[in-house]
Amino acid sequence: MNTYPSFDLTGQIALVTAAGRGLGRATALALAHAGADVALGLRDVEQHGNLPDEIAALGRRCLPLQMDMMDLQQVRSAIDATVHHWGRIDILVNNAGIAPTNLAEDVTEEDFDRTLAVNLKGTFFASQAAARHMMAHKGGGRIINMGSQAGFAALPTESIYCMTKAGIAHLTKCLAVEWGKYGINVNAVAPTFIRTDGTAPVLSDPAFRADVEERIAALHRIGEPVEVTGAVVFLASPAASLITGHTILIDGGWTAR
């Protein structure tokens, strides 16, 4: 065993779901910066901006793929395409998630079903498809799920989202226990509010932003994408080889209160 921890991902093959924007985009770039070649799971394969060029500028290869998480055939096909193109998949980051807000008494069945379909069903079946290839390749692998502090703290108007993210934390444990014998580590990260295009509308409300900053009890500031992607790169790296079934809270102290 090496004397010092390694965070190098050179030669690794990663796939990031919902990679076109926000944390998905930042994660794809962070993995490429660490040395991985990256497949981009995209709800619309044409909507990737200049991300492939940015990954190429880091000296890594990129593969944009059609991957609507509501369509399990697309989910499985994207993972199969990654393996067909590069011979294997070493890292899966289940970043895709939605969070329709509504008072619990007003939640519609459509919103309920859609949130579970993307956040839980999509995550499970993407993990299953990737794990099957990892098992066949016999080289182990890393699966990293995008949880949320909402899985550990109740957020008003987000009962269904909170429920799915709590489910992600426990699913992470279950898959880690089942797949550890194949050398597959399964972990999750659980961020607080992070400054992205997706959170910009709510954080633009001064009262809402002030409340969020107050609830981030230790640091009292909004998080940046790199503060989440650093944990993802760590969990994907050899440095985290003995960590599995764990969810790292990246919440600035929100849940410590």
Protein backbone atom coordinates (compact mmCIF):
# COMPACT_ATOMS: atom_id res chain seq x y z
CA MET A 1 0.00 0.00 0.00
CA ASN A 2 1.23 3.52 -0.77
CA THR A 3 2.64 5.52 2.13
CA TYR A 4 0.79 8.67 1.10
CA PRO A 5 -2.82 9.08 -0.10
CA SER A 6 -3.43 9.52 -3.82
CA PHE A 7 -6.14 11.76 -5.24
CA ASP A 8 -5.11 11.07 -8.84
CA LEU A 9 -7.78 9.77 -11.24
CA THR A 10 -5.56 9.42 -14.30
CA GLY A 11 -6.82 6.66 -16.58
CA GLN A 12 -10.20 6.40 -14.87
CA ILE A 13 -13.47 6.46 -16.78
CA ALA A 14 -16.30 8.45 -15.19
CA LEU A 15 -19.92 9.18 -16.05
CA VAL A 16 -21.78 12.11 -14.50
CA THR A 17 -25.56 12.31 -14.80
CA ALA A 18 -27.25 15.69 -15.40
CA ALA A 19 -23.84 17.02 -16.38
CA GLY A 20 -25.00 19.99 -18.44
CA ARG A 21 -25.23 22.60 -15.69
CA GLY A 22 -24.79 23.36 -12.02
CA LEU A 23 -23.11 20.77 -9.82
CA GLY A 24 -23.11 18.19 -12.62
CA ARG A 25 -21.08 20.45 -14.87
CA ALA A 26 -18.71 21.40 -12.06
CA THR A 27 -18.27 17.74 -11.13
CA ALA A 28 -17.44 16.72 -14.70
CA LEU A 29 -14.75 19.41 -14.86
CA ALA A 30 -13.35 18.49 -11.44
CA LEU A 31 -13.06 14.80 -12.36
CA ALA A 32 -11.35 15.72 -15.64
CA HIS A 33 -8.97 18.04 -13.78
CA ALA A 34 -8.08 15.10 -11.52
CA GLY A 35 -7.25 12.97 -14.58
CA ALA A 36 -10.45 11.11 -15.51
CA ASP A 37 -12.05 10.86 -18.94
CA VAL A 38 -15.69 11.86 -18.55
CA ALA A 39 -18.96 10.78 -20.15
CA LEU A 40 -21.67 13.42 -19.84
CA GLY A 41 -25.20 12.18 -19.14
CA LEU A 42 -27.49 14.83 -20.62
CA ARG A 43 -31.27 15.14 -20.77
CA ASP A 44 -30.72 16.71 -24.20
CA VAL A 45 -27.44 15.57 -25.76
CA GLU A 46 -27.19 18.83 -27.72
CA GLN A 47 -27.37 21.00 -24.59
CA HIS A 48 -23.85 20.78 -23.25
CA GLY A 49 -22.59 24.30 -23.93
CA ASN A 50 -18.82 24.35 -24.27
CA LEU A 51 -18.25 21.66 -21.63
CA PRO A 52 -16.61 19.15 -24.02
CA ASP A 53 -14.15 21.84 -25.12
CA GLU A 54 -13.35 22.71 -21.52
CA ILE A 55 -12.69 19.07 -20.70
CA ALA A 56 -10.50 18.73 -23.81
CA ALA A 57 -8.56 21.80 -22.70
CA LEU A 58 -7.72 19.88 -19.51
CA GLY A 59 -6.21 17.14 -21.66
CA ARG A 60 -9.01 14.64 -21.07
CA ARG A 61 -11.50 12.92 -23.33
CA CYS A 62 -15.24 13.63 -23.24
CA LEU A 63 -18.30 11.71 -24.46
CA PRO A 64 -21.70 13.51 -24.47
CA LEU A 65 -24.58 11.03 -24.16
CA GLN A 66 -28.37 11.23 -24.29
CA MET A 67 -29.52 10.31 -20.77
CA ASP A 68 -32.95 11.43 -19.62
CA MET A 69 -33.24 9.98 -16.11
CA MET A 70 -37.00 9.52 -16.60
CA ASP A 71 -36.27 7.01 -19.38
CA LEU A 72 -34.61 3.87 -18.02
CA GLN A 73 -33.73 2.70 -21.52
CA GLN A 74 -31.71 5.88 -22.01
CA VAL A 75 -30.11 5.43 -18.59
CA ARG A 76 -28.96 1.91 -19.40
CA SER A 77 -27.96 2.79 -22.96
CA ALA A 78 -25.78 5.70 -21.80
CA ILE A 79 -23.89 3.48 -19.38
CA ASP A 80 -23.55 0.74 -22.01
CA ALA A 81 -22.29 3.35 -24.51
CA THR A 82 -19.64 4.51 -22.03
CA VAL A 83 -18.38 0.96 -21.63
CA HIS A 84 -18.56 0.29 -25.39
CA HIS A 85 -16.61 3.48 -26.13
CA TRP A 86 -13.91 3.21 -23.46
CA GLY A 87 -14.00 -0.43 -22.42
CA ARG A 88 -15.20 0.07 -18.86
CA ILE A 89 -16.71 2.45 -16.32
CA ASP A 90 -14.85 3.15 -13.08
CA ILE A 91 -16.80 6.05 -11.57
CA LEU A 92 -20.51 6.89 -11.64
CA VAL A 93 -21.72 10.17 -10.16
CA ASN A 94 -25.51 10.16 -9.74
CA ASN A 95 -25.99 13.90 -9.81
CA ALA A 96 -29.47 14.15 -11.39
CA GLY A 97 -32.22 15.41 -9.12
CA ILE A 98 -35.26 17.67 -9.09
CA ALA A 99 -36.92 19.58 -6.27
CA PRO A 100 -40.41 20.93 -7.00
CA THR A 101 -41.48 23.03 -4.02
CA ASN A 102 -44.96 22.92 -2.61
CA LEU A 103 -46.74 22.72 0.70
CA ALA A 104 -47.26 19.07 1.59
CA GLU A 105 -51.04 19.43 1.45
CA ASP A 106 -50.80 20.74 -2.12
CA VAL A 107 -48.35 18.19 -3.61
CA THR A 108 -49.74 16.63 -6.77
CA GLU A 109 -49.40 12.98 -7.72
CA GLU A 110 -47.55 14.06 -10.87
CA ASP A 111 -44.91 15.97 -8.88
CA PHE A 112 -44.63 13.11 -6.38
CA ASP A 113 -44.09 10.48 -9.09
CA ARG A 114 -41.68 12.62 -11.11
CA THR A 115 -39.51 13.46 -8.10
CA LEU A 116 -39.25 9.82 -7.08
CA ALA A 117 -38.61 8.76 -10.68
CA VAL A 118 -35.60 11.05 -11.08
CA ASN A 119 -34.16 11.20 -7.56
CA LEU A 120 -34.60 7.59 -6.43
CA LYS A 121 -35.58 5.36 -9.33
CA GLY A 122 -33.09 6.92 -11.73
CA THR A 123 -30.29 6.78 -9.16
CA PHE A 124 -30.99 3.14 -8.34
CA PHE A 125 -31.14 1.86 -11.90
CA ALA A 126 -28.13 3.90 -13.05
CA SER A 127 -26.20 2.40 -10.12
CA GLN A 128 -27.41 -1.08 -11.00
CA ALA A 129 -26.38 -0.75 -14.65
CA ALA A 130 -22.95 0.65 -13.77
CA ALA A 131 -22.35 -1.92 -11.03
CA ARG A 132 -23.08 -4.80 -13.41
CA HIS A 133 -20.31 -3.58 -15.70
CA MET A 134 -17.97 -3.01 -12.75
CA MET A 135 -18.62 -6.56 -11.55
CA ALA A 136 -18.00 -8.01 -15.02
CA HIS A 137 -14.80 -6.03 -15.41
CA LYS A 138 -13.63 -7.21 -11.95
CA GLY A 139 -11.81 -3.96 -11.33
CA GLY A 140 -14.06 -2.53 -8.67
CA GLY A 141 -15.44 0.96 -8.96
CA ARG A 142 -16.83 4.03 -7.26
CA ILE A 143 -20.47 5.11 -7.17
CA ILE A 144 -21.13 8.54 -5.68
CA ASN A 145 -24.69 9.70 -5.11
CA MET A 146 -25.80 13.31 -4.80
CA GLY A 147 -27.74 13.55 -1.58
CA SER A 148 -28.66 16.71 0.27
CA GLN A 149 -28.81 18.18 3.74
CA ALA A 150 -32.56 17.84 3.04
CA GLY A 151 -32.13 14.14 3.78
CA PHE A 152 -31.13 15.04 7.34
CA ALA A 153 -33.10 18.21 8.09
CA ALA A 154 -36.71 19.05 7.30
CA LEU A 155 -37.13 21.87 4.77
CA PRO A 156 -40.61 23.43 4.57
CA THR A 157 -42.35 23.05 1.18
CA GLU A 158 -39.90 20.29 0.17
CA SER A 159 -41.33 17.20 1.87
CA ILE A 160 -41.06 14.94 -1.19
CA TYR A 161 -37.55 16.12 -2.05
CA CYS A 162 -36.48 15.60 1.57
CA MET A 163 -37.98 12.11 1.51
CA THR A 164 -36.07 11.14 -1.63
CA LYS A 165 -32.77 12.49 -0.31
CA ALA A 166 -33.22 10.60 2.95
CA GLY A 167 -33.80 7.56 0.76
CA ILE A 168 -30.55 8.25 -1.10
CA ALA A 169 -28.59 8.17 2.17
CA HIS A 170 -29.98 4.77 3.10
CA LEU A 171 -29.80 3.38 -0.43
CA THR A 172 -26.12 4.31 -0.38
CA LYS A 173 -25.61 2.13 2.68
CA CYS A 174 -27.56 -0.78 1.22
CA LEU A 175 -25.65 -0.81 -2.07
CA ALA A 176 -22.32 -0.43 -0.26
CA VAL A 177 -23.05 -3.51 1.85
CA GLU A 178 -24.16 -5.61 -1.13
CA TRP A 179 -21.45 -4.58 -3.60
CA GLY A 180 -18.41 -4.26 -1.37
CA LYS A 181 -17.42 -7.85 -2.15
CA TYR A 182 -16.94 -6.75 -5.76
CA GLY A 183 -14.62 -3.91 -4.77
CA ILE A 184 -17.30 -1.29 -5.42
CA ASN A 185 -17.40 1.63 -3.00
CA VAL A 186 -20.74 3.44 -2.75
CA ASN A 187 -20.89 6.81 -1.02
CA ALA A 188 -22.85 10.05 -1.15
CA VAL A 189 -22.34 13.76 -0.64
CA ALA A 190 -25.05 15.92 0.88
CA PRO A 191 -24.65 19.64 0.14
CA THR A 192 -26.40 22.64 1.58
CA PHE A 193 -27.50 25.50 -0.70
CA ILE A 194 -24.81 25.92 -3.35
CA ARG A 195 -24.42 28.90 -5.66
CA THR A 196 -25.56 27.57 -9.07
CA ASP A 197 -27.91 28.62 -11.86
CA GLY A 198 -30.55 26.39 -10.27
CA THR A 199 -30.44 28.08 -6.86
CA ALA A 200 -30.00 31.63 -8.19
CA PRO A 201 -33.74 32.45 -8.29
CA VAL A 202 -34.41 31.62 -4.61
CA LEU A 203 -31.12 33.04 -3.38
CA SER A 204 -31.87 36.32 -5.14
CA ASP A 205 -34.57 36.94 -2.52
CA PRO A 206 -32.72 38.87 0.23
CA ALA A 207 -34.95 37.53 3.03
CA PHE A 208 -34.59 33.92 1.86
CA ARG A 209 -30.84 34.27 1.45
CA ALA A 210 -30.46 35.81 4.90
CA ASP A 211 -32.44 32.93 6.42
CA VAL A 212 -30.29 30.35 4.61
CA GLU A 213 -27.06 32.03 5.71
CA GLU A 214 -28.29 32.09 9.31
CA ARG A 215 -29.19 28.41 9.22
CA ILE A 216 -25.74 27.50 7.88
CA ALA A 217 -24.81 27.67 11.51
CA ALA A 218 -21.03 27.44 11.47
CA LEU A 219 -19.91 29.32 8.37
CA HIS A 220 -22.90 31.59 7.56
CA ARG A 221 -22.33 31.70 3.81
CA ILE A 222 -23.58 30.09 0.61
CA GLY A 223 -21.46 27.21 -0.68
CA GLU A 224 -19.58 27.15 -3.97
CA PRO A 225 -19.63 24.21 -6.43
CA VAL A 226 -15.93 23.46 -5.94
CA GLU A 227 -16.64 22.81 -2.26
CA VAL A 228 -18.88 19.92 -3.29
CA THR A 229 -16.80 18.62 -6.19
CA GLY A 230 -13.74 18.37 -3.97
CA ALA A 231 -15.54 15.77 -1.87
CA VAL A 232 -16.66 13.91 -5.00
CA VAL A 233 -13.10 13.74 -6.33
CA PHE A 234 -11.92 12.52 -2.92
CA LEU A 235 -14.52 9.75 -2.80
CA ALA A 236 -13.65 8.73 -6.37
CA SER A 237 -9.94 8.56 -5.59
CA PRO A 238 -7.70 5.87 -4.10
CA ALA A 239 -7.45 8.06 -0.98
CA ALA A 240 -11.02 7.02 -0.07
CA SER A 241 -10.50 3.28 -0.60
CA LEU A 242 -11.70 2.34 2.91
CA ILE A 243 -14.77 4.59 2.86
CA THR A 244 -18.10 3.09 1.78
CA GLY A 245 -21.73 3.41 2.78
CA HIS A 246 -21.10 6.92 4.03
CA THR A 247 -22.75 10.27 3.31
CA ILE A 248 -20.52 13.32 3.69
CA LEU A 249 -22.51 16.35 4.75
CA ILE A 250 -21.23 19.50 3.05
CA ASP A 251 -23.58 21.83 4.85
CA GLY A 252 -21.44 24.49 6.52
CA GLY A 253 -22.75 23.34 9.90
CA TRP A 254 -26.50 23.48 9.12
CA THR A 255 -27.22 20.07 10.68
CA ALA A 256 -24.75 20.56 13.55
CA ARG A 257 -27.08 23.01 15.23
